[in-house]
Structures are given as structure tokens and as C-alpha cells.
Amino acid sequence: MASFHFRLATYLKLKIAARDQRQSELMEVLSIQEQLTREMQETADLLETTIAEAREGCSVGRMNVDSLIVAQRELNHLRSLIAHKQSLQRKLNPHIEQRRNALLEAEKEVRSLEKLRERQEQRFQTEQERLDSLELDEIGLIAFARKGR
């Protein structure tokens, strides 16, 4: 009995490799986005801590103007860092969407080739069963003809 061979197997392997590459690219960009989010949260936490420390310095009797100026500069710097990271995230979003779409397209191509392979394999199996049935019928006829002599 012959075995099934998908003629586009190499092409399917290439498409699977391309899909895996697209998935890797998406994971890379998502990792960058996650790192940016984490850094923004850390900076926001530091901003809150700095604000709390500046308020404590102001609430006790005499104010140290120099420390307030330093705190204000640090607050401005932290706010600009947060704004910069938000800007980077906004610029990253289209890249994420583009890579998601590329992954979806690659996945669609792989699925269609796999369905084609399944259909061809099913047709092959059906044809093999038909040929086997014909062969058995022929063997039965030959045996019947020999008995009849």
C-alpha cells in the first residue's frame, strides 16, 4: 500500500518557519512595551515618593528653599521621563499592531496549507480504499472462477 506524500510539505515548513519568526518579532516588541510600562510605573512611584518627601520638608517649621528647588527639579525631571516613555509607547503601538497583523496573516497561510494537506490525505485514503476494494473484488472473482472449472 502506498503512503501519502504532501507535495507542498517543504512550502508548509517554510510557512511555519515564517509564522514562528513573526511570533518571535511580536514577542520582542511586546517585551519592549512591557519593559517601558514597568519603567513608567517605577518612575511614577519615585515621583510619588519625591512629592511626599517634599511635602514633609515643607510641613515642619522652617523651610529649606534649596531642598525645595532640588525637589522641584527632580519632580520636573521625573515628569519629563514619564512623558518621554509615554511617547515611546505611543510610537510602539503601531509596530505592535503591524506585527500582530503579520502574525495573523502567517497563521492563516499555515492553516490553509494544513487544511489542504488534510483534504488531499483524505482523498488519497479514499482512493486507496477504493483500489483495495477493487483488488479484493478481483481476487474474489478469480477464486470463484477457479472453483467453477
Protein backbone atom coordinates (compact mmCIF):
# COMPACT_ATOMS: atom_id res chain seq x y z
CA MET A 1 0.00 0.00 0.00
CA ALA A 2 1.37 3.39 -0.99
CA SER A 3 1.87 6.09 1.61
CA PHE A 4 0.64 9.66 1.32
CA HIS A 5 3.14 12.38 0.43
CA PHE A 6 2.11 16.04 0.58
CA ARG A 7 3.76 17.76 -2.37
CA LEU A 8 3.79 21.14 -0.64
CA ALA A 9 5.39 19.83 2.57
CA THR A 10 8.53 21.94 2.11
CA TYR A 11 6.43 25.02 1.39
CA LEU A 12 4.39 24.31 4.52
CA LYS A 13 7.59 24.05 6.57
CA LEU A 14 8.73 27.41 5.20
CA LYS A 15 5.38 28.99 6.08
CA ILE A 16 5.56 27.52 9.59
CA ALA A 17 9.07 28.95 10.00
CA ALA A 18 7.83 32.36 8.76
CA ARG A 19 4.92 32.22 11.23
CA ASP A 20 7.29 31.36 14.07
CA GLN A 21 9.51 34.29 13.06
CA ARG A 22 6.51 36.66 13.09
CA GLN A 23 5.55 35.38 16.52
CA SER A 24 9.10 35.95 17.76
CA GLU A 25 9.08 39.51 16.39
CA LEU A 26 5.77 40.23 18.11
CA MET A 27 7.04 38.82 21.41
CA GLU A 28 10.12 41.03 21.14
CA VAL A 29 8.06 44.21 20.67
CA LEU A 30 5.63 43.19 23.43
CA SER A 31 8.60 42.65 25.73
CA ILE A 32 9.82 46.17 24.98
CA GLN A 33 6.34 47.53 25.70
CA GLU A 34 6.21 45.63 28.99
CA GLN A 35 9.61 46.98 29.99
CA LEU A 36 8.50 50.54 29.17
CA THR A 37 5.36 50.07 31.27
CA ARG A 38 7.42 48.73 34.16
CA GLU A 39 9.88 51.65 33.91
CA MET A 40 6.99 54.14 33.79
CA GLN A 41 5.49 52.59 36.93
CA GLU A 42 8.84 52.74 38.73
CA THR A 43 9.27 56.37 37.70
CA ALA A 44 5.72 57.19 38.82
CA ASP A 45 6.41 55.54 42.19
CA LEU A 46 9.60 57.55 42.54
CA LEU A 47 7.65 60.69 41.63
CA GLU A 48 5.10 60.00 44.38
CA THR A 49 7.90 59.36 46.90
CA THR A 50 9.64 62.60 45.94
CA ILE A 51 6.39 64.55 46.26
CA ALA A 52 5.76 63.04 49.70
CA GLU A 53 9.30 63.88 50.84
CA ALA A 54 8.97 67.46 49.56
CA ARG A 55 5.70 67.88 51.46
CA GLU A 56 7.28 66.57 54.64
CA GLY A 57 10.11 69.07 54.28
CA CYS A 58 7.63 71.94 53.94
CA SER A 59 5.35 71.00 56.81
CA VAL A 60 7.92 71.19 59.62
CA GLY A 61 8.54 74.75 60.80
CA ARG A 62 11.28 76.32 58.72
CA MET A 63 11.51 75.64 55.02
CA ASN A 64 14.73 74.84 53.28
CA VAL A 65 14.38 76.64 49.95
CA ASP A 66 17.41 74.91 48.43
CA SER A 67 15.97 71.44 49.09
CA LEU A 68 12.63 72.58 47.63
CA ILE A 69 14.37 73.78 44.47
CA VAL A 70 16.23 70.48 44.17
CA ALA A 71 12.99 68.56 44.76
CA GLN A 72 11.20 70.66 42.12
CA ARG A 73 13.96 69.96 39.59
CA GLU A 74 13.79 66.25 40.37
CA LEU A 75 9.99 66.30 40.01
CA ASN A 76 10.26 68.05 36.65
CA HIS A 77 12.87 65.53 35.52
CA LEU A 78 10.70 62.58 36.59
CA ARG A 79 7.64 64.04 34.87
CA SER A 80 9.60 64.53 31.66
CA LEU A 81 10.84 60.93 31.89
CA ILE A 82 7.27 59.68 32.23
CA ALA A 83 6.15 61.82 29.29
CA HIS A 84 9.06 60.52 27.19
CA LYS A 85 8.22 56.89 27.99
CA GLN A 86 4.55 57.51 27.19
CA SER A 87 5.63 58.97 23.86
CA LEU A 88 7.75 55.89 23.18
CA GLN A 89 4.79 53.65 23.98
CA ARG A 90 2.55 55.58 21.58
CA LYS A 91 5.19 55.17 18.86
CA LEU A 92 5.46 51.46 19.67
CA ASN A 93 1.72 50.75 19.36
CA PRO A 94 1.62 50.84 15.51
CA HIS A 95 4.58 48.45 15.40
CA ILE A 96 2.78 46.06 17.72
CA GLU A 97 -0.35 46.21 15.60
CA GLN A 98 1.66 45.67 12.41
CA ARG A 99 3.39 42.62 13.86
CA ARG A 100 0.09 41.22 15.15
CA ASN A 101 -1.42 41.54 11.69
CA ALA A 102 1.63 39.89 10.11
CA LEU A 103 1.35 37.01 12.59
CA LEU A 104 -2.37 36.61 11.88
CA GLU A 105 -1.69 36.52 8.14
CA ALA A 106 1.10 33.96 8.55
CA GLU A 107 -1.13 31.84 10.79
CA LYS A 108 -3.89 31.99 8.18
CA GLU A 109 -1.49 30.79 5.46
CA VAL A 110 -0.29 27.88 7.60
CA ARG A 111 -3.86 26.86 8.46
CA SER A 112 -4.92 26.90 4.81
CA LEU A 113 -1.95 24.73 3.81
CA GLU A 114 -2.66 22.31 6.65
CA LYS A 115 -6.31 22.07 5.58
CA LEU A 116 -5.20 21.43 2.00
CA ARG A 117 -2.90 18.66 3.22
CA GLU A 118 -5.74 17.12 5.25
CA ARG A 119 -8.11 17.22 2.26
CA GLN A 120 -5.51 15.68 -0.04
CA GLU A 121 -4.69 13.00 2.51
CA GLN A 122 -8.39 12.20 2.90
CA ARG A 123 -8.77 11.93 -0.89
CA PHE A 124 -5.71 9.70 -1.02
CA GLN A 125 -7.12 7.44 1.71
CA THR A 126 -10.48 7.25 -0.06
CA GLU A 127 -8.79 6.36 -3.35
CA GLN A 128 -6.62 3.75 -1.62
CA GLU A 129 -9.70 2.18 -0.04
CA ARG A 130 -11.42 2.11 -3.43
CA LEU A 131 -8.40 0.47 -5.07
CA ASP A 132 -8.12 -2.06 -2.24
CA SER A 133 -11.79 -2.88 -2.63
CA LEU A 134 -11.37 -3.37 -6.38
CA GLU A 135 -8.38 -5.60 -5.79
CA LEU A 136 -10.30 -7.71 -3.27
CA ASP A 137 -13.23 -7.97 -5.69
CA GLU A 138 -10.88 -9.12 -8.43
CA ILE A 139 -9.29 -11.71 -6.13
CA GLY A 140 -12.76 -12.95 -5.19
CA LEU A 141 -13.77 -13.23 -8.86
CA ILE A 142 -10.60 -15.13 -9.72
CA ALA A 143 -11.16 -17.53 -6.82
CA PHE A 144 -14.79 -18.00 -7.85
CA ALA A 145 -13.78 -18.63 -11.46
CA ARG A 146 -11.24 -21.27 -10.40
CA LYS A 147 -13.82 -23.09 -8.29
CA GLY A 148 -16.27 -23.08 -11.15
CA ARG A 149 -13.98 -25.03 -13.51
